[in-house]
Amino acid sequence: MTQTDYRFNRQIRIPEVRLIDQTGAQIGIVPTLDAMRRAEEAGLDLVEVSPNERPPVCRIMDYGKFKYAQRKKERGTHAKASLLKELRVRPAIDEHDLSYRLDQGRKFLEDGHKVQVVCIFRGRQMAHPEHGYEVMRKVASTLGDISKVESPAKLMGRRMTMLLAHK
């Protein structure tokens, strides 16, 4: 049900409704006009929250706030998907640079993201792929306490990739 499907105030044309007041207490089945009067006295709206029930369930609430909360709920459902983060390293990376990248990778993993470690070879570095595998092994062992290797290091052209996921 989207936010436009909710009827409120004068749009509710059924003779009786099951009423819930602004505090969340069940009032019971009351005439619709009486429910509208109670909502007006409270300075709020009468909103039909379950139209398929017999009689329909109506609640006394602020319709604007309710619509805002519904939109926020719909928008927030898909936002927290696990993302893929990338760490770029080189076969001849300095120890300090590698430790900095590992700290970044640790933060990504703790946030629940997957981390793709990419080692890029340039020029004559391709003659020694074992240096790249060594860097990948260091990354995997250092982050091994909070991650597992989802796909091991593989060399594809000038790029070596490895995928880590949070344990």
C-alpha atoms as a PDB file:
ATOM      1  CA  MET A   1       0.000   0.000   0.000  1.00  0.00           C
ATOM      2  CA  THR A   2       1.520   3.325  -1.027  1.00  0.00           C
ATOM      3  CA  GLN A   3       1.020   6.624   0.729  1.00  0.00           C
ATOM      4  CA  THR A   4      -1.737   7.663  -1.741  1.00  0.00           C
ATOM      5  CA  ASP A   5      -3.948   4.675  -0.841  1.00  0.00           C
ATOM      6  CA  TYR A   6      -4.812   5.906   2.658  1.00  0.00           C
ATOM      7  CA  ARG A   7      -8.184   7.608   3.035  1.00  0.00           C
ATOM      8  CA  PHE A   8      -8.503  10.244   5.723  1.00  0.00           C
ATOM      9  CA  ASN A   9     -11.091  12.565   7.268  1.00  0.00           C
ATOM     10  CA  ARG A  10     -14.020  13.195   4.858  1.00  0.00           C
ATOM     11  CA  GLN A  11     -12.818  10.554   2.374  1.00  0.00           C
ATOM     12  CA  ILE A  12     -13.952   7.838   4.814  1.00  0.00           C
ATOM     13  CA  ARG A  13     -17.611   7.167   3.878  1.00  0.00           C
ATOM     14  CA  ILE A  14     -18.355   3.967   5.815  1.00  0.00           C
ATOM     15  CA  PRO A  15     -20.981   4.239   8.603  1.00  0.00           C
ATOM     16  CA  GLU A  16     -18.892   2.532  11.352  1.00  0.00           C
ATOM     17  CA  VAL A  17     -15.158   2.138  11.972  1.00  0.00           C
ATOM     18  CA  ARG A  18     -12.947   0.427  14.538  1.00  0.00           C
ATOM     19  CA  LEU A  19     -11.196   3.347  16.231  1.00  0.00           C
ATOM     20  CA  ILE A  20      -7.714   3.638  17.732  1.00  0.00           C
ATOM     21  CA  ASP A  21      -7.038   6.970  19.466  1.00  0.00           C
ATOM     22  CA  GLN A  22      -3.851   9.073  19.326  1.00  0.00           C
ATOM     23  CA  THR A  23      -2.301   7.240  22.304  1.00  0.00           C
ATOM     24  CA  GLY A  24      -2.763   3.859  20.579  1.00  0.00           C
ATOM     25  CA  ALA A  25      -5.640   2.711  22.811  1.00  0.00           C
ATOM     26  CA  GLN A  26      -8.427   0.655  21.224  1.00  0.00           C
ATOM     27  CA  ILE A  27     -11.713   2.549  21.510  1.00  0.00           C
ATOM     28  CA  GLY A  28     -13.808  -0.036  19.668  1.00  0.00           C
ATOM     29  CA  ILE A  29     -16.439   0.195  16.942  1.00  0.00           C
ATOM     30  CA  VAL A  30     -17.889   3.719  16.735  1.00  0.00           C
ATOM     31  CA  PRO A  31     -19.892   5.685  14.138  1.00  0.00           C
ATOM     32  CA  THR A  32     -17.617   7.424  11.610  1.00  0.00           C
ATOM     33  CA  LEU A  33     -19.030  10.867  12.405  1.00  0.00           C
ATOM     34  CA  ASP A  34     -18.219  10.358  16.104  1.00  0.00           C
ATOM     35  CA  ALA A  35     -14.665   9.277  15.200  1.00  0.00           C
ATOM     36  CA  MET A  36     -14.225  12.385  12.998  1.00  0.00           C
ATOM     37  CA  ARG A  37     -15.488  14.594  15.829  1.00  0.00           C
ATOM     38  CA  ARG A  38     -12.956  13.045  18.259  1.00  0.00           C
ATOM     39  CA  ALA A  39     -10.140  13.618  15.731  1.00  0.00           C
ATOM     40  CA  GLU A  40     -11.150  17.276  15.254  1.00  0.00           C
ATOM     41  CA  GLU A  41     -11.262  17.823  19.026  1.00  0.00           C
ATOM     42  CA  ALA A  42      -7.716  16.441  19.271  1.00  0.00           C
ATOM     43  CA  GLY A  43      -6.622  18.677  16.374  1.00  0.00           C
ATOM     44  CA  LEU A  44      -5.555  15.612  14.357  1.00  0.00           C
ATOM     45  CA  ASP A  45      -6.800  13.578  11.375  1.00  0.00           C
ATOM     46  CA  LEU A  46      -8.807  10.364  11.159  1.00  0.00           C
ATOM     47  CA  VAL A  47      -6.778   7.978   8.944  1.00  0.00           C
ATOM     48  CA  GLU A  48      -8.009   4.634   7.606  1.00  0.00           C
ATOM     49  CA  VAL A  49      -5.022   2.333   8.246  1.00  0.00           C
ATOM     50  CA  SER A  50      -6.631  -1.063   7.451  1.00  0.00           C
ATOM     51  CA  PRO A  51      -9.321  -0.589   4.797  1.00  0.00           C
ATOM     52  CA  ASN A  52      -9.729  -4.344   4.119  1.00  0.00           C
ATOM     53  CA  GLU A  53     -10.978  -5.174   7.624  1.00  0.00           C
ATOM     54  CA  ARG A  54     -14.692  -5.199   8.475  1.00  0.00           C
ATOM     55  CA  PRO A  55     -15.271  -2.656   9.887  1.00  0.00           C
ATOM     56  CA  PRO A  56     -12.156  -0.784   8.641  1.00  0.00           C
ATOM     57  CA  VAL A  57      -9.569   0.256  11.245  1.00  0.00           C
ATOM     58  CA  CYS A  58      -9.090   4.019  11.616  1.00  0.00           C
ATOM     59  CA  ARG A  59      -6.566   5.825  13.756  1.00  0.00           C
ATOM     60  CA  ILE A  60      -6.453   9.363  15.094  1.00  0.00           C
ATOM     61  CA  MET A  61      -3.065  10.796  14.054  1.00  0.00           C
ATOM     62  CA  ASP A  62      -1.325  13.616  12.191  1.00  0.00           C
ATOM     63  CA  TYR A  63      -1.748  12.593   8.539  1.00  0.00           C
ATOM     64  CA  GLY A  64       1.207  14.703   7.334  1.00  0.00           C
ATOM     65  CA  LYS A  65       3.605  13.053   9.779  1.00  0.00           C
ATOM     66  CA  PHE A  66       2.171   9.622   8.884  1.00  0.00           C
ATOM     67  CA  LYS A  67       2.725  10.207   5.141  1.00  0.00           C
ATOM     68  CA  TYR A  68       6.266  11.435   5.797  1.00  0.00           C
ATOM     69  CA  ALA A  69       7.064   8.337   7.887  1.00  0.00           C
ATOM     70  CA  GLN A  70       5.623   6.049   5.187  1.00  0.00           C
ATOM     71  CA  ARG A  71       7.733   7.697   2.460  1.00  0.00           C
ATOM     72  CA  LYS A  72      10.830   7.481   4.641  1.00  0.00           C
ATOM     73  CA  LYS A  73      10.168   3.791   5.338  1.00  0.00           C
ATOM     74  CA  GLU A  74       9.712   3.019   1.618  1.00  0.00           C
ATOM     75  CA  ARG A  75      12.848   4.929   0.703  1.00  0.00           C
ATOM     76  CA  GLY A  76      14.981   3.350   3.434  1.00  0.00           C
ATOM     77  CA  THR A  77      14.260  -0.305   2.648  1.00  0.00           C
ATOM     78  CA  HIS A  78      16.734  -0.715  -0.213  1.00  0.00           C
ATOM     79  CA  ALA A  79      19.392   1.800   0.826  1.00  0.00           C
ATOM     80  CA  LYS A  80      21.439  -0.474   3.099  1.00  0.00           C
ATOM     81  CA  ALA A  81      22.560  -2.997   0.494  1.00  0.00           C
ATOM     82  CA  SER A  82      26.068  -4.388   0.814  1.00  0.00           C
ATOM     83  CA  LEU A  83      28.406  -2.482  -1.461  1.00  0.00           C
ATOM     84  CA  LEU A  84      31.627  -3.541  -3.105  1.00  0.00           C
ATOM     85  CA  LYS A  85      34.609  -1.418  -2.091  1.00  0.00           C
ATOM     86  CA  GLU A  86      37.932  -1.516  -3.880  1.00  0.00           C
ATOM     87  CA  LEU A  87      41.469  -1.446  -2.473  1.00  0.00           C
ATOM     88  CA  ARG A  88      44.156  -0.768  -5.048  1.00  0.00           C
ATOM     89  CA  VAL A  89      47.662  -2.003  -4.360  1.00  0.00           C
ATOM     90  CA  ARG A  90      50.833  -2.443  -6.422  1.00  0.00           C
ATOM     91  CA  PRO A  91      53.319  -5.331  -6.434  1.00  0.00           C
ATOM     92  CA  ALA A  92      56.074  -3.017  -5.102  1.00  0.00           C
ATOM     93  CA  ILE A  93      53.914  -1.213  -2.520  1.00  0.00           C
ATOM     94  CA  ASP A  94      55.660   0.333   0.479  1.00  0.00           C
ATOM     95  CA  GLU A  95      54.957  -1.167   3.919  1.00  0.00           C
ATOM     96  CA  HIS A  96      53.398   2.063   5.256  1.00  0.00           C
ATOM     97  CA  ASP A  97      51.165   2.474   2.181  1.00  0.00           C
ATOM     98  CA  LEU A  98      50.004  -1.123   2.512  1.00  0.00           C
ATOM     99  CA  SER A  99      49.180  -0.686   6.217  1.00  0.00           C
ATOM    100  CA  TYR A 100      47.145   2.446   5.371  1.00  0.00           C
ATOM    101  CA  ARG A 101      45.179   0.531   2.712  1.00  0.00           C
ATOM    102  CA  LEU A 102      44.640  -2.342   5.152  1.00  0.00           C
ATOM    103  CA  ASP A 103      43.179   0.086   7.708  1.00  0.00           C
ATOM    104  CA  GLN A 104      40.751   1.313   5.045  1.00  0.00           C
ATOM    105  CA  GLY A 105      39.882  -2.270   4.139  1.00  0.00           C
ATOM    106  CA  ARG A 106      39.251  -3.109   7.802  1.00  0.00           C
ATOM    107  CA  LYS A 107      36.793  -0.176   8.091  1.00  0.00           C
ATOM    108  CA  PHE A 108      34.963  -1.286   4.936  1.00  0.00           C
ATOM    109  CA  LEU A 109      34.675  -4.866   6.219  1.00  0.00           C
ATOM    110  CA  GLU A 110      33.464  -3.727   9.655  1.00  0.00           C
ATOM    111  CA  ASP A 111      30.751  -1.689   7.913  1.00  0.00           C
ATOM    112  CA  GLY A 112      29.584  -4.914   6.232  1.00  0.00           C
ATOM    113  CA  HIS A 113      30.901  -4.202   2.729  1.00  0.00           C
ATOM    114  CA  LYS A 114      32.755  -6.625   0.515  1.00  0.00           C
ATOM    115  CA  VAL A 115      36.275  -5.587  -0.442  1.00  0.00           C
ATOM    116  CA  GLN A 116      37.839  -6.266  -3.821  1.00  0.00           C
ATOM    117  CA  VAL A 117      41.618  -6.039  -3.624  1.00  0.00           C
ATOM    118  CA  VAL A 118      43.125  -5.102  -6.998  1.00  0.00           C
ATOM    119  CA  CYS A 119      46.845  -5.309  -7.681  1.00  0.00           C
ATOM    120  CA  ILE A 120      47.817  -3.477 -10.866  1.00  0.00           C
ATOM    121  CA  PHE A 121      51.005  -4.396 -12.703  1.00  0.00           C
ATOM    122  CA  ARG A 122      52.923  -1.928 -14.870  1.00  0.00           C
ATOM    123  CA  GLY A 123      55.601  -2.541 -17.445  1.00  0.00           C
ATOM    124  CA  ARG A 124      58.206  -5.124 -16.465  1.00  0.00           C
ATOM    125  CA  GLN A 125      56.413  -5.970 -13.195  1.00  0.00           C
ATOM    126  CA  MET A 126      54.474  -8.529 -15.265  1.00  0.00           C
ATOM    127  CA  ALA A 127      57.629 -10.649 -15.371  1.00  0.00           C
ATOM    128  CA  HIS A 128      57.266 -11.283 -11.611  1.00  0.00           C
ATOM    129  CA  PRO A 129      53.611 -12.055 -10.725  1.00  0.00           C
ATOM    130  CA  GLU A 130      54.826 -13.694  -7.499  1.00  0.00           C
ATOM    131  CA  HIS A 131      55.306 -10.189  -6.021  1.00  0.00           C
ATOM    132  CA  GLY A 132      51.611  -9.513  -6.573  1.00  0.00           C
ATOM    133  CA  TYR A 133      50.646 -12.850  -5.018  1.00  0.00           C
ATOM    134  CA  GLU A 134      52.832 -11.997  -2.019  1.00  0.00           C
ATOM    135  CA  VAL A 135      51.042  -8.656  -1.515  1.00  0.00           C
ATOM    136  CA  MET A 136      47.663 -10.417  -1.807  1.00  0.00           C
ATOM    137  CA  ARG A 137      48.733 -13.027   0.745  1.00  0.00           C
ATOM    138  CA  LYS A 138      49.734 -10.236   3.175  1.00  0.00           C
ATOM    139  CA  VAL A 139      46.349  -8.537   2.718  1.00  0.00           C
ATOM    140  CA  ALA A 140      44.445 -11.786   3.242  1.00  0.00           C
ATOM    141  CA  SER A 141      46.421 -12.771   6.343  1.00  0.00           C
ATOM    142  CA  THR A 142      46.259  -9.294   7.938  1.00  0.00           C
ATOM    143  CA  LEU A 143      42.503  -8.961   7.412  1.00  0.00           C
ATOM    144  CA  GLY A 144      41.918 -12.679   8.079  1.00  0.00           C
ATOM    145  CA  ASP A 145      40.622 -12.048  11.620  1.00  0.00           C
ATOM    146  CA  ILE A 146      37.498 -10.232  10.342  1.00  0.00           C
ATOM    147  CA  SER A 147      37.213 -11.488   6.750  1.00  0.00           C
ATOM    148  CA  LYS A 148      37.201 -14.587   4.628  1.00  0.00           C
ATOM    149  CA  VAL A 149      38.535 -14.899   1.079  1.00  0.00           C
ATOM    150  CA  GLU A 150      35.479 -15.229  -1.144  1.00  0.00           C
ATOM    151  CA  SER A 151      37.472 -15.555  -4.355  1.00  0.00           C
ATOM    152  CA  PRO A 152      41.247 -16.112  -4.245  1.00  0.00           C
ATOM    153  CA  ALA A 153      43.788 -13.968  -6.094  1.00  0.00           C
ATOM    154  CA  LYS A 154      43.734 -14.471  -9.857  1.00  0.00           C
ATOM    155  CA  LEU A 155      45.730 -12.734 -12.517  1.00  0.00           C
ATOM    156  CA  MET A 156      43.745 -11.399 -15.492  1.00  0.00           C
ATOM    157  CA  GLY A 157      45.884  -9.418 -17.892  1.00  0.00           C
ATOM    158  CA  ARG A 158      47.653  -6.675 -15.907  1.00  0.00           C
ATOM    159  CA  ARG A 159      45.219  -6.874 -12.968  1.00  0.00           C
ATOM    160  CA  MET A 160      45.218  -9.346 -10.104  1.00  0.00           C
ATOM    161  CA  THR A 161      41.978  -9.441  -8.096  1.00  0.00           C
ATOM    162  CA  MET A 162      40.868 -11.022  -4.849  1.00  0.00           C
ATOM    163  CA  LEU A 163      37.478 -10.664  -3.120  1.00  0.00           C
ATOM    164  CA  LEU A 164      37.101 -10.480   0.679  1.00  0.00           C
ATOM    165  CA  ALA A 165      33.838 -10.663   2.617  1.00  0.00           C
ATOM    166  CA  HIS A 166      33.087 -10.017   6.296  1.00  0.00           C
ATOM    167  CA  LYS A 167      33.030 -13.161   8.467  1.00  0.00           C
END
